[in-house]
């Protein structure tokens, strides 16, 4: 189920809504106004130069060992 974030342009309230069959919320749950704007979710945003996740070694091309080339018994 897709969950989207919205912000009301009228009162500034931010909320999440489950969107089923493409039906989006039609009014703010706090002020009942229809002035909604879909927001970019924080998990979808990318910060340039971020190093929060270390890169994993590439798998061995010969046998697929996840530890990388030279770690498997085939070499």
C-alpha atoms as a PDB file:
ATOM      1  CA  UNK A   1       0.000   0.000   0.000  1.00  0.00           C
ATOM      2  CA  UNK A   2       1.541   3.313  -1.026  1.00  0.00           C
ATOM      3  CA  UNK A   3       1.778   5.907   1.723  1.00  0.00           C
ATOM      4  CA  UNK A   4       2.191   9.529   0.691  1.00  0.00           C
ATOM      5  CA  UNK A   5       2.972  12.631   2.726  1.00  0.00           C
ATOM      6  CA  UNK A   6       0.888  15.777   2.342  1.00  0.00           C
ATOM      7  CA  UNK A   7       1.021  19.354   3.612  1.00  0.00           C
ATOM      8  CA  UNK A   8      -1.966  21.650   3.863  1.00  0.00           C
ATOM      9  CA  UNK A   9      -1.256  25.043   2.286  1.00  0.00           C
ATOM     10  CA  UNK A  10      -4.033  26.567   4.386  1.00  0.00           C
ATOM     11  CA  UNK A  11      -2.946  25.600   7.930  1.00  0.00           C
ATOM     12  CA  UNK A  12       0.495  23.984   7.412  1.00  0.00           C
ATOM     13  CA  UNK A  13      -0.553  20.614   8.872  1.00  0.00           C
ATOM     14  CA  UNK A  14       1.573  17.682   7.646  1.00  0.00           C
ATOM     15  CA  UNK A  15       0.137  14.190   7.497  1.00  0.00           C
ATOM     16  CA  UNK A  16       0.480  10.805   5.813  1.00  0.00           C
ATOM     17  CA  UNK A  17      -2.255   9.078   3.849  1.00  0.00           C
ATOM     18  CA  UNK A  18      -2.611   5.623   2.337  1.00  0.00           C
ATOM     19  CA  UNK A  19      -3.571   6.004  -1.324  1.00  0.00           C
ATOM     20  CA  UNK A  20      -5.656   3.127  -2.635  1.00  0.00           C
ATOM     21  CA  UNK A  21      -6.680   2.884  -6.303  1.00  0.00           C
ATOM     22  CA  UNK A  22      -5.151   6.322  -6.941  1.00  0.00           C
ATOM     23  CA  UNK A  23      -7.663   8.033  -4.657  1.00  0.00           C
ATOM     24  CA  UNK A  24      -5.830  10.819  -2.855  1.00  0.00           C
ATOM     25  CA  UNK A  25      -7.157  12.739   0.165  1.00  0.00           C
ATOM     26  CA  UNK A  26      -9.409  15.622  -0.822  1.00  0.00           C
ATOM     27  CA  UNK A  27      -9.114  17.732   2.335  1.00  0.00           C
ATOM     28  CA  UNK A  28      -6.894  18.367   5.352  1.00  0.00           C
ATOM     29  CA  UNK A  29      -7.846  16.247   8.382  1.00  0.00           C
ATOM     30  CA  UNK A  30      -7.152  19.222  10.677  1.00  0.00           C
ATOM     31  CA  UNK A  31      -8.854  22.187   8.997  1.00  0.00           C
ATOM     32  CA  UNK A  32     -11.017  20.467   6.318  1.00  0.00           C
ATOM     33  CA  UNK A  33      -9.631  22.690   3.537  1.00  0.00           C
ATOM     34  CA  UNK A  34      -8.814  21.218   0.094  1.00  0.00           C
ATOM     35  CA  UNK A  35      -5.462  23.028  -0.259  1.00  0.00           C
ATOM     36  CA  UNK A  36      -3.179  19.958  -0.162  1.00  0.00           C
ATOM     37  CA  UNK A  37       0.278  19.565  -1.630  1.00  0.00           C
ATOM     38  CA  UNK A  38       2.025  16.183  -1.978  1.00  0.00           C
ATOM     39  CA  UNK A  39       5.472  16.261  -0.338  1.00  0.00           C
ATOM     40  CA  UNK A  40       8.716  14.533  -1.247  1.00  0.00           C
ATOM     41  CA  UNK A  41       9.297  11.825   1.343  1.00  0.00           C
ATOM     42  CA  UNK A  42      12.523  12.078   3.319  1.00  0.00           C
ATOM     43  CA  UNK A  43      13.475   8.486   2.580  1.00  0.00           C
ATOM     44  CA  UNK A  44      13.315   9.213  -1.159  1.00  0.00           C
ATOM     45  CA  UNK A  45      15.618  12.229  -0.988  1.00  0.00           C
ATOM     46  CA  UNK A  46      19.343  11.806  -1.647  1.00  0.00           C
ATOM     47  CA  UNK A  47      21.988  14.055  -0.137  1.00  0.00           C
ATOM     48  CA  UNK A  48      24.971  14.500  -2.409  1.00  0.00           C
ATOM     49  CA  UNK A  49      28.195  13.254  -0.853  1.00  0.00           C
ATOM     50  CA  UNK A  50      26.436  11.236   1.834  1.00  0.00           C
ATOM     51  CA  UNK A  51      28.510   8.384   3.246  1.00  0.00           C
ATOM     52  CA  UNK A  52      26.010   6.973   5.713  1.00  0.00           C
ATOM     53  CA  UNK A  53      26.128   3.496   4.141  1.00  0.00           C
ATOM     54  CA  UNK A  54      29.490   1.820   3.588  1.00  0.00           C
ATOM     55  CA  UNK A  55      29.841   0.118   0.227  1.00  0.00           C
ATOM     56  CA  UNK A  56      29.930  -3.654   0.255  1.00  0.00           C
ATOM     57  CA  UNK A  57      32.606  -5.522  -1.696  1.00  0.00           C
ATOM     58  CA  UNK A  58      31.574  -6.763  -5.115  1.00  0.00           C
ATOM     59  CA  UNK A  59      30.767 -10.460  -5.361  1.00  0.00           C
ATOM     60  CA  UNK A  60      33.290 -12.774  -6.995  1.00  0.00           C
ATOM     61  CA  UNK A  61      32.697 -12.822 -10.749  1.00  0.00           C
ATOM     62  CA  UNK A  62      33.604 -16.505 -11.039  1.00  0.00           C
ATOM     63  CA  UNK A  63      31.641 -18.161  -8.268  1.00  0.00           C
ATOM     64  CA  UNK A  64      29.399 -15.410  -6.809  1.00  0.00           C
ATOM     65  CA  UNK A  65      30.958 -15.489  -3.322  1.00  0.00           C
ATOM     66  CA  UNK A  66      29.612 -12.341  -1.593  1.00  0.00           C
ATOM     67  CA  UNK A  67      32.976 -11.689   0.110  1.00  0.00           C
ATOM     68  CA  UNK A  68      34.516 -10.775  -3.216  1.00  0.00           C
ATOM     69  CA  UNK A  69      37.313 -12.031  -5.459  1.00  0.00           C
ATOM     70  CA  UNK A  70      40.083 -13.875  -3.654  1.00  0.00           C
ATOM     71  CA  UNK A  71      37.846 -14.898  -0.745  1.00  0.00           C
ATOM     72  CA  UNK A  72      36.439 -18.067  -2.252  1.00  0.00           C
ATOM     73  CA  UNK A  73      38.074 -21.481  -2.510  1.00  0.00           C
ATOM     74  CA  UNK A  74      38.051 -21.480  -6.313  1.00  0.00           C
ATOM     75  CA  UNK A  75      40.920 -18.974  -6.583  1.00  0.00           C
END
